[in-house]
Amino acid sequence: MRNILALAALAMVMASCTHSSSHHCVSPLPAGVDIDSLADCTVPAQFNVADFNWTDSTLTMTVYNEDLYDAVDLNTLQSGDTIVYQGRSIVVAKVADTADGLKTINDGIEQGGADLQAHEGGTYRGIQLDDHSVYTSLGKATVPIANNLVVVDCGIEPDEPSDTIGTDALSYLKQLKGGRDGFIELNTLVQIEHGKVTRITRRWIP
């Protein structure tokens, strides 16, 4: 049901992009994964240690998609066009390329516009404050956990090395507390192979 509601909300945002003979709408590229069939992929995800079912060895997580845009679409944006950014439709009044490699819409995110940065594969990524990517929720999924689960977890401070837990990773996760028990899409990637979670990687972010 939540997946249906999430898709319906996204459809409403997309529908708010009106097209005419002279104006067009630019939306994030489609997600490359199927939320109902996560077989072999790596996805940004949000979850808490409480979302693990220790008895059934499953993880229920909210799966996200990094918002990427086709570079050709962005490079042809003009005044009067529309861009879908952070789940809202923005009518373009001004497009500029900055000296540090950003493409800004309507003077950037701090002025109610959008910031985008050149990315790999002929795309731009939507960015927010602290250079974090913009993500869109695809919905919740419950995925079995592989017996050989590996957790790569960052330290509390930026200069601390990451810990790699390759033996009894579930016991490591169970003991996390004090804010460390929450994982967010901004810094967490979940790798799924053959329909099972095989690796959870959390990197340090500000």
N, C-alpha and C. Protein backbone atom coordinates (compact mmCIF):
# COMPACT_ATOMS: atom_id res chain seq x y z
N MET A 1 0.83 -1.20 0.00
CA MET A 1 0.00 0.00 0.00
C MET A 1 0.86 1.25 0.00
N ARG A 2 1.96 1.24 0.83
CA ARG A 2 2.83 2.41 0.88
C ARG A 2 3.53 2.63 -0.45
N ASN A 3 3.89 1.53 -1.12
CA ASN A 3 4.52 1.66 -2.43
C ASN A 3 3.58 2.32 -3.42
N ILE A 4 2.30 1.95 -3.36
CA ILE A 4 1.31 2.52 -4.27
C ILE A 4 1.15 4.01 -4.00
N LEU A 5 1.11 4.38 -2.71
CA LEU A 5 0.96 5.79 -2.35
C LEU A 5 2.17 6.60 -2.80
N ALA A 6 3.37 6.03 -2.64
CA ALA A 6 4.58 6.72 -3.05
C ALA A 6 4.59 6.95 -4.56
N LEU A 7 4.18 5.93 -5.31
CA LEU A 7 4.14 6.07 -6.77
C LEU A 7 3.07 7.07 -7.19
N ALA A 8 1.95 7.08 -6.46
CA ALA A 8 0.89 8.03 -6.79
C ALA A 8 1.35 9.46 -6.56
N ALA A 9 2.09 9.67 -5.45
CA ALA A 9 2.60 11.02 -5.16
C ALA A 9 3.58 11.46 -6.23
N LEU A 10 4.45 10.52 -6.65
CA LEU A 10 5.41 10.86 -7.70
C LEU A 10 4.70 11.19 -9.00
N ALA A 11 3.65 10.42 -9.30
CA ALA A 11 2.89 10.66 -10.53
C ALA A 11 2.24 12.04 -10.52
N MET A 12 1.78 12.48 -9.33
CA MET A 12 1.16 13.80 -9.23
C MET A 12 2.18 14.89 -9.52
N VAL A 13 3.42 14.69 -9.01
CA VAL A 13 4.46 15.68 -9.27
C VAL A 13 4.78 15.73 -10.75
N MET A 14 4.91 14.55 -11.36
CA MET A 14 5.21 14.49 -12.78
C MET A 14 4.09 15.14 -13.60
N ALA A 15 2.85 14.92 -13.16
CA ALA A 15 1.71 15.46 -13.89
C ALA A 15 1.67 16.98 -13.83
N SER A 16 2.30 17.55 -12.79
CA SER A 16 2.30 19.00 -12.65
C SER A 16 3.22 19.66 -13.67
N CYS A 17 4.03 18.85 -14.34
CA CYS A 17 4.86 19.38 -15.43
C CYS A 17 4.00 19.55 -16.66
N THR A 18 3.70 20.76 -17.02
CA THR A 18 2.88 20.99 -18.21
C THR A 18 3.77 21.18 -19.41
N HIS A 19 3.34 20.66 -20.52
CA HIS A 19 4.11 20.74 -21.75
C HIS A 19 3.38 21.65 -22.75
N SER A 20 4.16 22.34 -23.52
CA SER A 20 3.60 23.12 -24.62
C SER A 20 4.54 22.98 -25.80
N SER A 21 4.20 23.63 -26.88
CA SER A 21 5.03 23.51 -28.07
C SER A 21 6.41 24.14 -27.87
N SER A 22 6.51 25.05 -26.89
CA SER A 22 7.77 25.76 -26.72
C SER A 22 8.48 25.46 -25.39
N HIS A 23 7.80 24.83 -24.46
CA HIS A 23 8.39 24.55 -23.16
C HIS A 23 8.36 23.05 -22.88
N HIS A 24 9.35 22.59 -22.11
CA HIS A 24 9.37 21.17 -21.77
C HIS A 24 9.71 21.00 -20.29
N CYS A 25 9.51 19.78 -19.80
CA CYS A 25 9.74 19.46 -18.39
C CYS A 25 10.86 18.44 -18.29
N VAL A 26 11.78 18.67 -17.34
CA VAL A 26 12.88 17.75 -17.10
C VAL A 26 12.68 17.10 -15.74
N SER A 27 12.64 15.77 -15.73
CA SER A 27 12.45 15.00 -14.50
C SER A 27 13.66 14.12 -14.26
N PRO A 28 13.87 13.64 -13.02
CA PRO A 28 14.95 12.68 -12.78
C PRO A 28 14.78 11.44 -13.66
N LEU A 29 15.90 10.86 -14.04
CA LEU A 29 15.86 9.64 -14.83
C LEU A 29 15.18 8.53 -14.04
N PRO A 30 14.51 7.59 -14.71
CA PRO A 30 13.82 6.50 -14.00
C PRO A 30 14.79 5.68 -13.15
N ALA A 31 14.29 5.17 -12.05
CA ALA A 31 15.10 4.30 -11.19
C ALA A 31 15.48 3.04 -11.95
N GLY A 32 16.67 2.56 -11.70
CA GLY A 32 17.12 1.36 -12.38
C GLY A 32 16.80 0.08 -11.65
N VAL A 33 15.96 0.17 -10.61
CA VAL A 33 15.61 -1.02 -9.84
C VAL A 33 14.10 -1.13 -9.71
N ASP A 34 13.63 -2.35 -9.49
CA ASP A 34 12.23 -2.61 -9.25
C ASP A 34 12.06 -2.90 -7.76
N ILE A 35 11.35 -2.02 -7.07
CA ILE A 35 11.19 -2.15 -5.63
C ILE A 35 10.57 -3.47 -5.21
N ASP A 36 9.79 -4.07 -6.10
CA ASP A 36 9.13 -5.34 -5.79
C ASP A 36 9.96 -6.56 -6.18
N SER A 37 11.14 -6.33 -6.76
CA SER A 37 11.97 -7.44 -7.18
C SER A 37 13.44 -7.03 -7.11
N LEU A 38 13.95 -6.91 -5.88
CA LEU A 38 15.34 -6.50 -5.68
C LEU A 38 16.22 -7.74 -5.71
N ALA A 39 16.79 -8.02 -6.86
CA ALA A 39 17.55 -9.26 -7.03
C ALA A 39 19.06 -9.03 -6.96
N ASP A 40 19.58 -8.22 -7.88
CA ASP A 40 21.01 -7.95 -7.94
C ASP A 40 21.21 -6.46 -8.17
N CYS A 41 21.47 -5.73 -7.08
CA CYS A 41 21.59 -4.28 -7.19
C CYS A 41 22.22 -3.74 -5.91
N THR A 42 22.60 -2.48 -5.97
CA THR A 42 23.06 -1.76 -4.78
C THR A 42 22.23 -0.49 -4.68
N VAL A 43 21.57 -0.29 -3.54
CA VAL A 43 20.62 0.81 -3.41
C VAL A 43 20.90 1.65 -2.17
N PRO A 44 20.70 2.98 -2.27
CA PRO A 44 20.69 3.80 -1.06
C PRO A 44 19.47 3.40 -0.22
N ALA A 45 19.63 3.37 1.09
CA ALA A 45 18.52 2.89 1.92
C ALA A 45 18.52 3.56 3.28
N GLN A 46 17.33 3.58 3.88
CA GLN A 46 17.16 4.11 5.24
C GLN A 46 16.50 3.04 6.09
N PHE A 47 17.05 2.79 7.27
CA PHE A 47 16.48 1.81 8.18
C PHE A 47 17.09 2.00 9.56
N ASN A 48 16.50 1.33 10.52
CA ASN A 48 16.98 1.33 11.90
C ASN A 48 17.28 -0.10 12.29
N VAL A 49 18.11 -0.28 13.30
CA VAL A 49 18.40 -1.64 13.77
C VAL A 49 17.12 -2.38 14.14
N ALA A 50 16.11 -1.64 14.61
CA ALA A 50 14.83 -2.26 14.95
C ALA A 50 14.11 -2.82 13.73
N ASP A 51 14.55 -2.44 12.52
CA ASP A 51 13.91 -2.93 11.29
C ASP A 51 14.43 -4.30 10.87
N PHE A 52 15.41 -4.83 11.59
CA PHE A 52 15.87 -6.19 11.33
C PHE A 52 14.96 -7.18 12.07
N ASN A 53 14.56 -8.21 11.38
CA ASN A 53 13.85 -9.32 12.01
C ASN A 53 14.89 -10.41 12.24
N TRP A 54 15.33 -10.50 13.50
CA TRP A 54 16.43 -11.41 13.81
C TRP A 54 16.01 -12.87 13.66
N THR A 55 14.72 -13.14 13.91
CA THR A 55 14.24 -14.53 13.82
C THR A 55 14.19 -15.01 12.37
N ASP A 56 13.63 -14.16 11.50
CA ASP A 56 13.48 -14.55 10.09
C ASP A 56 14.67 -14.14 9.22
N SER A 57 15.62 -13.41 9.83
CA SER A 57 16.80 -12.93 9.09
C SER A 57 16.39 -12.10 7.86
N THR A 58 15.61 -11.05 8.12
CA THR A 58 15.20 -10.14 7.05
C THR A 58 15.45 -8.70 7.49
N LEU A 59 15.52 -7.82 6.52
CA LEU A 59 15.65 -6.38 6.77
C LEU A 59 14.56 -5.65 6.01
N THR A 60 13.79 -4.83 6.73
CA THR A 60 12.80 -3.97 6.09
C THR A 60 13.37 -2.57 6.01
N MET A 61 13.49 -2.05 4.81
CA MET A 61 14.16 -0.76 4.60
C MET A 61 13.38 0.07 3.59
N THR A 62 13.58 1.38 3.68
CA THR A 62 13.06 2.28 2.66
C THR A 62 14.14 2.44 1.61
N VAL A 63 13.80 2.11 0.37
CA VAL A 63 14.75 2.15 -0.73
C VAL A 63 14.64 3.49 -1.46
N TYR A 64 15.79 4.06 -1.80
CA TYR A 64 15.82 5.36 -2.47
C TYR A 64 16.52 5.27 -3.83
N ASN A 65 16.25 6.26 -4.64
CA ASN A 65 16.92 6.41 -5.92
C ASN A 65 17.62 7.76 -5.95
N GLU A 66 18.90 7.77 -6.33
CA GLU A 66 19.62 9.03 -6.47
C GLU A 66 19.08 9.77 -7.69
N ASP A 67 18.71 11.03 -7.51
CA ASP A 67 18.11 11.79 -8.60
C ASP A 67 19.18 12.25 -9.60
N LEU A 68 19.18 11.59 -10.76
CA LEU A 68 20.09 11.94 -11.84
C LEU A 68 19.28 12.49 -13.02
N TYR A 69 19.89 13.39 -13.76
CA TYR A 69 19.22 14.04 -14.89
C TYR A 69 20.07 13.89 -16.15
N ASP A 70 19.41 13.77 -17.28
CA ASP A 70 20.11 13.69 -18.55
C ASP A 70 20.78 15.03 -18.84
N ALA A 71 22.08 14.98 -19.15
CA ALA A 71 22.83 16.21 -19.37
C ALA A 71 22.30 17.02 -20.55
N VAL A 72 21.88 16.33 -21.59
CA VAL A 72 21.36 17.04 -22.76
C VAL A 72 20.11 17.83 -22.39
N ASP A 73 19.22 17.21 -21.61
CA ASP A 73 18.00 17.90 -21.18
C ASP A 73 18.34 19.16 -20.39
N LEU A 74 19.30 19.04 -19.47
CA LEU A 74 19.64 20.20 -18.63
C LEU A 74 20.33 21.30 -19.44
N ASN A 75 21.15 20.89 -20.36
CA ASN A 75 21.90 21.89 -21.14
C ASN A 75 21.02 22.64 -22.14
N THR A 76 19.80 22.15 -22.34
CA THR A 76 18.88 22.85 -23.25
C THR A 76 17.73 23.52 -22.50
N LEU A 77 17.82 23.56 -21.15
CA LEU A 77 16.79 24.24 -20.37
C LEU A 77 16.73 25.72 -20.72
N GLN A 78 15.51 26.23 -20.82
CA GLN A 78 15.31 27.65 -21.09
C GLN A 78 14.27 28.22 -20.14
N SER A 79 14.21 29.52 -20.08
CA SER A 79 13.20 30.19 -19.27
C SER A 79 11.81 29.74 -19.69
N GLY A 80 11.00 29.37 -18.69
CA GLY A 80 9.66 28.88 -18.96
C GLY A 80 9.55 27.37 -18.91
N ASP A 81 10.69 26.66 -19.00
CA ASP A 81 10.68 25.20 -18.84
C ASP A 81 10.47 24.86 -17.37
N THR A 82 10.29 23.58 -17.08
CA THR A 82 10.06 23.12 -15.72
C THR A 82 11.02 21.99 -15.38
N ILE A 83 11.52 21.99 -14.14
CA ILE A 83 12.36 20.90 -13.66
C ILE A 83 11.77 20.34 -12.37
N VAL A 84 11.72 19.02 -12.25
CA VAL A 84 11.27 18.37 -11.03
C VAL A 84 12.50 18.15 -10.16
N TYR A 85 12.50 18.76 -8.98
CA TYR A 85 13.68 18.75 -8.10
C TYR A 85 13.20 18.68 -6.66
N GLN A 86 13.73 17.71 -5.90
CA GLN A 86 13.32 17.49 -4.52
C GLN A 86 11.80 17.30 -4.40
N GLY A 87 11.22 16.63 -5.38
CA GLY A 87 9.81 16.31 -5.34
C GLY A 87 8.88 17.46 -5.67
N ARG A 88 9.40 18.56 -6.15
CA ARG A 88 8.54 19.70 -6.50
C ARG A 88 8.89 20.19 -7.90
N SER A 89 7.93 20.81 -8.54
CA SER A 89 8.13 21.34 -9.88
C SER A 89 8.55 22.80 -9.80
N ILE A 90 9.66 23.13 -10.44
CA ILE A 90 10.19 24.49 -10.43
C ILE A 90 10.13 25.04 -11.86
N VAL A 91 9.46 26.16 -12.03
CA VAL A 91 9.44 26.83 -13.33
C VAL A 91 10.74 27.61 -13.48
N VAL A 92 11.44 27.34 -14.55
CA VAL A 92 12.77 27.91 -14.76
C VAL A 92 12.66 29.37 -15.18
N ALA A 93 13.34 30.23 -14.41
CA ALA A 93 13.45 31.64 -14.80
C ALA A 93 14.87 31.97 -15.25
N LYS A 94 15.84 31.20 -14.69
CA LYS A 94 17.24 31.52 -14.96
C LYS A 94 18.08 30.26 -14.82
N VAL A 95 19.00 30.04 -15.75
CA VAL A 95 19.94 28.93 -15.70
C VAL A 95 21.35 29.50 -15.79
N ALA A 96 22.25 29.03 -14.92
CA ALA A 96 23.62 29.54 -14.95
C ALA A 96 24.59 28.41 -14.63
N ASP A 97 25.79 28.48 -15.21
CA ASP A 97 26.88 27.56 -14.91
C ASP A 97 27.92 28.31 -14.09
N THR A 98 28.24 27.78 -12.91
CA THR A 98 29.16 28.47 -12.01
C THR A 98 30.60 28.06 -12.28
N ALA A 99 31.52 28.82 -11.71
CA ALA A 99 32.94 28.55 -11.91
C ALA A 99 33.37 27.24 -11.28
N ASP A 100 32.65 26.79 -10.25
CA ASP A 100 33.02 25.54 -9.59
C ASP A 100 32.27 24.33 -10.15
N GLY A 101 31.70 24.49 -11.35
CA GLY A 101 31.14 23.33 -12.03
C GLY A 101 29.70 23.00 -11.75
N LEU A 102 28.98 23.89 -11.08
CA LEU A 102 27.57 23.65 -10.80
C LEU A 102 26.69 24.27 -11.88
N LYS A 103 25.55 23.65 -12.10
CA LYS A 103 24.50 24.26 -12.90
C LYS A 103 23.40 24.67 -11.93
N THR A 104 23.07 25.94 -11.91
CA THR A 104 22.08 26.43 -10.96
C THR A 104 20.82 26.87 -11.70
N ILE A 105 19.69 26.57 -11.07
CA ILE A 105 18.39 26.99 -11.59
C ILE A 105 17.83 28.02 -10.62
N ASN A 106 17.45 29.17 -11.14
CA ASN A 106 16.86 30.24 -10.32
C ASN A 106 17.74 30.59 -9.12
N ASP A 107 19.06 30.71 -9.38
CA ASP A 107 20.04 31.13 -8.38
C ASP A 107 20.30 30.09 -7.30
N GLY A 108 19.91 28.84 -7.52
CA GLY A 108 20.31 27.76 -6.63
C GLY A 108 19.37 27.47 -5.48
N ILE A 109 19.70 26.41 -4.75
CA ILE A 109 18.82 25.86 -3.72
C ILE A 109 18.56 26.86 -2.60
N GLU A 110 19.56 27.67 -2.26
CA GLU A 110 19.38 28.61 -1.15
C GLU A 110 18.41 29.73 -1.49
N GLN A 111 18.11 29.91 -2.78
CA GLN A 111 17.14 30.92 -3.21
C GLN A 111 15.84 30.28 -3.69
N GLY A 112 15.64 29.01 -3.32
CA GLY A 112 14.42 28.32 -3.72
C GLY A 112 14.49 27.63 -5.06
N GLY A 113 15.69 27.63 -5.65
CA GLY A 113 15.87 26.99 -6.95
C GLY A 113 16.48 25.61 -6.81
N ALA A 114 17.40 25.27 -7.72
CA ALA A 114 18.00 23.94 -7.74
C ALA A 114 19.48 24.04 -8.06
N ASP A 115 20.25 23.12 -7.49
CA ASP A 115 21.67 22.99 -7.79
C ASP A 115 21.92 21.60 -8.37
N LEU A 116 22.72 21.53 -9.43
CA LEU A 116 23.03 20.25 -10.05
C LEU A 116 24.51 20.21 -10.40
N GLN A 117 25.09 19.01 -10.33
CA GLN A 117 26.52 18.86 -10.57
C GLN A 117 26.76 17.79 -11.63
N ALA A 118 27.71 18.04 -12.54
CA ALA A 118 28.02 17.07 -13.57
C ALA A 118 28.41 15.74 -12.93
N HIS A 119 27.88 14.65 -13.50
CA HIS A 119 28.08 13.31 -12.96
C HIS A 119 28.54 12.42 -14.10
N GLU A 120 28.75 11.16 -13.81
CA GLU A 120 29.24 10.22 -14.82
C GLU A 120 28.13 9.83 -15.79
N GLY A 121 28.53 9.29 -16.93
CA GLY A 121 27.58 8.74 -17.89
C GLY A 121 26.67 9.76 -18.55
N GLY A 122 27.15 10.98 -18.71
CA GLY A 122 26.32 11.99 -19.38
C GLY A 122 25.12 12.43 -18.56
N THR A 123 25.30 12.51 -17.24
CA THR A 123 24.21 12.91 -16.36
C THR A 123 24.66 14.03 -15.42
N TYR A 124 23.67 14.64 -14.79
CA TYR A 124 23.89 15.55 -13.67
C TYR A 124 23.18 14.94 -12.46
N ARG A 125 23.70 15.20 -11.27
CA ARG A 125 23.00 14.77 -10.06
C ARG A 125 22.46 15.99 -9.33
N GLY A 126 21.24 15.87 -8.83
CA GLY A 126 20.71 16.93 -8.00
C GLY A 126 21.44 16.92 -6.68
N ILE A 127 21.86 18.09 -6.21
CA ILE A 127 22.57 18.14 -4.93
C ILE A 127 21.86 19.11 -3.99
N GLN A 128 22.08 18.86 -2.71
CA GLN A 128 21.53 19.71 -1.67
C GLN A 128 22.68 20.23 -0.83
N LEU A 129 22.39 20.78 0.32
CA LEU A 129 23.44 21.35 1.16
C LEU A 129 24.45 20.29 1.56
N ASP A 130 25.69 20.71 1.80
CA ASP A 130 26.80 19.82 2.14
C ASP A 130 27.14 18.86 1.01
N ASP A 131 26.72 19.18 -0.21
CA ASP A 131 27.04 18.40 -1.39
C ASP A 131 26.40 17.01 -1.41
N HIS A 132 25.40 16.80 -0.56
CA HIS A 132 24.70 15.52 -0.58
C HIS A 132 23.80 15.45 -1.82
N SER A 133 23.68 14.25 -2.39
CA SER A 133 22.77 14.07 -3.51
C SER A 133 21.34 14.19 -3.04
N VAL A 134 20.46 14.48 -3.98
CA VAL A 134 19.02 14.46 -3.72
C VAL A 134 18.51 13.05 -4.03
N TYR A 135 17.69 12.51 -3.14
CA TYR A 135 17.17 11.15 -3.30
C TYR A 135 15.64 11.17 -3.30
N THR A 136 15.06 10.21 -4.02
CA THR A 136 13.62 10.03 -4.04
C THR A 136 13.29 8.66 -3.48
N SER A 137 12.35 8.60 -2.55
CA SER A 137 11.94 7.33 -1.97
C SER A 137 11.17 6.50 -2.99
N LEU A 138 11.55 5.24 -3.11
CA LEU A 138 10.83 4.31 -3.99
C LEU A 138 9.84 3.45 -3.23
N GLY A 139 9.92 3.48 -1.89
CA GLY A 139 9.03 2.67 -1.06
C GLY A 139 9.79 1.71 -0.18
N LYS A 140 9.05 0.91 0.57
CA LYS A 140 9.65 -0.04 1.50
C LYS A 140 9.76 -1.43 0.89
N ALA A 141 10.79 -2.14 1.30
CA ALA A 141 10.99 -3.52 0.84
C ALA A 141 11.55 -4.34 1.99
N THR A 142 11.13 -5.59 2.07
CA THR A 142 11.66 -6.53 3.04
C THR A 142 12.48 -7.57 2.29
N VAL A 143 13.76 -7.66 2.65
CA VAL A 143 14.69 -8.50 1.90
C VAL A 143 15.40 -9.47 2.85
N PRO A 144 15.53 -10.73 2.47
CA PRO A 144 16.27 -11.69 3.30
C PRO A 144 17.74 -11.29 3.42
N ILE A 145 18.36 -11.70 4.52
CA ILE A 145 19.77 -11.40 4.77
C ILE A 145 20.60 -12.65 4.51
N ALA A 146 21.67 -12.49 3.76
CA ALA A 146 22.55 -13.62 3.45
C ALA A 146 23.33 -14.04 4.70
N ASN A 147 23.69 -15.30 4.77
CA ASN A 147 24.45 -15.81 5.91
C ASN A 147 25.83 -15.17 6.00
N ASN A 148 26.36 -14.75 4.86
CA ASN A 148 27.71 -14.16 4.82
C ASN A 148 27.67 -12.63 4.77
N LEU A 149 26.66 -12.04 5.41
CA LEU A 149 26.52 -10.58 5.42
C LEU A 149 27.80 -9.92 5.93
N VAL A 150 28.22 -8.85 5.22
CA VAL A 150 29.37 -8.05 5.63
C VAL A 150 28.87 -6.63 5.89
N VAL A 151 29.31 -6.04 7.00
CA VAL A 151 28.98 -4.65 7.33
C VAL A 151 30.27 -3.84 7.33
N VAL A 152 30.28 -2.78 6.54
CA VAL A 152 31.41 -1.84 6.55
C VAL A 152 30.88 -0.55 7.15
N ASP A 153 31.36 -0.24 8.35
CA ASP A 153 30.79 0.87 9.11
C ASP A 153 31.84 1.93 9.40
N CYS A 154 31.49 3.19 9.12
CA CYS A 154 32.41 4.29 9.34
C CYS A 154 32.60 4.55 10.83
N GLY A 155 33.66 5.28 11.14
CA GLY A 155 33.88 5.69 12.51
C GLY A 155 33.01 6.88 12.88
N ILE A 156 33.05 7.26 14.14
CA ILE A 156 32.27 8.41 14.61
C ILE A 156 32.88 9.71 14.10
N GLU A 157 34.19 9.78 14.06
CA GLU A 157 34.89 10.97 13.58
C GLU A 157 35.35 10.76 12.13
N PRO A 158 35.49 11.85 11.36
CA PRO A 158 35.83 11.71 9.93
C PRO A 158 37.17 11.05 9.67
N ASP A 159 38.11 11.17 10.61
CA ASP A 159 39.44 10.60 10.38
C ASP A 159 39.58 9.18 10.91
N GLU A 160 38.51 8.63 11.46
CA GLU A 160 38.56 7.26 11.95
C GLU A 160 38.34 6.29 10.79
N PRO A 161 39.12 5.20 10.73
CA PRO A 161 38.93 4.23 9.65
C PRO A 161 37.62 3.46 9.83
N SER A 162 37.11 2.96 8.71
CA SER A 162 35.89 2.15 8.76
C SER A 162 36.22 0.77 9.32
N ASP A 163 35.24 0.19 10.00
CA ASP A 163 35.36 -1.18 10.48
C ASP A 163 34.68 -2.11 9.48
N THR A 164 35.30 -3.23 9.18
CA THR A 164 34.70 -4.24 8.32
C THR A 164 34.38 -5.46 9.16
N ILE A 165 33.10 -5.75 9.29
CA ILE A 165 32.65 -6.87 10.11
C ILE A 165 32.18 -7.97 9.18
N GLY A 166 32.97 -9.01 9.07
CA GLY A 166 32.65 -10.10 8.18
C GLY A 166 32.23 -11.37 8.87
N THR A 167 32.31 -11.35 10.20
CA THR A 167 31.90 -12.51 10.99
C THR A 167 30.86 -12.08 12.01
N ASP A 168 29.71 -12.73 12.00
CA ASP A 168 28.62 -12.43 12.93
C ASP A 168 28.24 -10.95 12.88
N ALA A 169 27.97 -10.47 11.66
CA ALA A 169 27.62 -9.06 11.47
C ALA A 169 26.32 -8.70 12.18
N LEU A 170 25.40 -9.65 12.30
CA LEU A 170 24.13 -9.35 12.96
C LEU A 170 24.35 -9.00 14.42
N SER A 171 25.28 -9.67 15.09
CA SER A 171 25.58 -9.34 16.49
C SER A 171 26.14 -7.93 16.61
N TYR A 172 26.94 -7.53 15.64
CA TYR A 172 27.47 -6.17 15.63
C TYR A 172 26.34 -5.16 15.51
N LEU A 173 25.41 -5.42 14.60
CA LEU A 173 24.29 -4.50 14.39
C LEU A 173 23.41 -4.40 15.63
N LYS A 174 23.19 -5.52 16.30
CA LYS A 174 22.31 -5.53 17.47
C LYS A 174 22.81 -4.62 18.57
N GLN A 175 24.11 -4.45 18.69
CA GLN A 175 24.65 -3.68 19.82
C GLN A 175 24.79 -2.19 19.53
N LEU A 176 24.45 -1.75 18.32
CA LEU A 176 24.55 -0.33 17.99
C LEU A 176 23.50 0.48 18.74
N LYS A 177 23.92 1.60 19.33
CA LYS A 177 23.00 2.45 20.10
C LYS A 177 23.38 3.91 19.93
N GLY A 178 22.59 4.77 20.55
CA GLY A 178 22.92 6.20 20.63
C GLY A 178 23.04 6.90 19.30
N GLY A 179 22.11 6.66 18.40
CA GLY A 179 22.15 7.31 17.10
C GLY A 179 22.89 6.49 16.06
N ARG A 180 23.77 5.61 16.51
CA ARG A 180 24.49 4.75 15.57
C ARG A 180 23.59 3.63 15.05
N ASP A 181 22.43 3.46 15.70
CA ASP A 181 21.53 2.39 15.27
C ASP A 181 20.63 2.81 14.10
N GLY A 182 20.80 4.05 13.61
CA GLY A 182 20.01 4.52 12.49
C GLY A 182 20.88 4.71 11.25
N PHE A 183 20.43 4.19 10.13
CA PHE A 183 21.13 4.31 8.86
C PHE A 183 20.27 5.13 7.91
N ILE A 184 20.87 6.05 7.16
CA ILE A 184 20.10 6.91 6.27
C ILE A 184 20.62 6.82 4.84
N GLU A 185 19.77 7.21 3.90
CA GLU A 185 20.10 7.09 2.49
C GLU A 185 21.27 7.96 2.06
N LEU A 186 21.56 9.03 2.82
CA LEU A 186 22.64 9.93 2.44
C LEU A 186 24.01 9.27 2.52
N ASN A 187 24.14 8.25 3.38
CA ASN A 187 25.47 7.64 3.52
C ASN A 187 25.45 6.11 3.58
N THR A 188 24.31 5.49 3.27
CA THR A 188 24.21 4.04 3.41
C THR A 188 23.84 3.38 2.08
N LEU A 189 24.62 2.39 1.71
CA LEU A 189 24.33 1.58 0.52
C LEU A 189 24.12 0.12 0.94
N VAL A 190 23.09 -0.48 0.41
CA VAL A 190 22.79 -1.89 0.68
C VAL A 190 22.97 -2.67 -0.62
N GLN A 191 23.86 -3.64 -0.56
CA GLN A 191 24.11 -4.49 -1.74
C GLN A 191 23.28 -5.76 -1.64
N ILE A 192 22.59 -6.08 -2.72
CA ILE A 192 21.72 -7.25 -2.77
C ILE A 192 22.18 -8.15 -3.91
N GLU A 193 22.42 -9.42 -3.59
CA GLU A 193 22.83 -10.39 -4.59
C GLU A 193 21.91 -11.61 -4.51
N HIS A 194 21.37 -11.98 -5.67
CA HIS A 194 20.46 -13.14 -5.74
C HIS A 194 19.31 -13.00 -4.74
N GLY A 195 18.84 -11.76 -4.55
CA GLY A 195 17.69 -11.53 -3.70
C GLY A 195 17.98 -11.45 -2.22
N LYS A 196 19.27 -11.42 -1.82
CA LYS A 196 19.61 -11.36 -0.40
C LYS A 196 20.61 -10.24 -0.13
N VAL A 197 20.47 -9.63 1.04
CA VAL A 197 21.39 -8.57 1.45
C VAL A 197 22.74 -9.19 1.79
N THR A 198 23.78 -8.80 1.06
CA THR A 198 25.11 -9.36 1.29
C THR A 198 26.08 -8.35 1.90
N ARG A 199 25.76 -7.06 1.77
CA ARG A 199 26.71 -6.05 2.25
C ARG A 199 25.96 -4.76 2.61
N ILE A 200 26.30 -4.19 3.74
CA ILE A 200 25.79 -2.88 4.16
C ILE A 200 26.99 -1.98 4.38
N THR A 201 27.04 -0.86 3.66
CA THR A 201 28.18 0.06 3.77
C THR A 201 27.69 1.43 4.21
N ARG A 202 28.24 1.92 5.31
CA ARG A 202 27.91 3.27 5.78
C ARG A 202 29.19 4.10 5.81
N ARG A 203 29.18 5.23 5.10
CA ARG A 203 30.34 6.11 5.09
C ARG A 203 30.07 7.34 5.96
N TRP A 204 31.15 7.96 6.42
CA TRP A 204 31.01 9.14 7.27
C TRP A 204 30.60 10.34 6.42
N ILE A 205 29.65 11.11 6.94
CA ILE A 205 29.25 12.36 6.30
C ILE A 205 29.12 13.44 7.37
N PRO A 206 29.21 14.71 7.00
CA PRO A 206 29.02 15.78 7.98
C PRO A 206 27.59 15.82 8.50
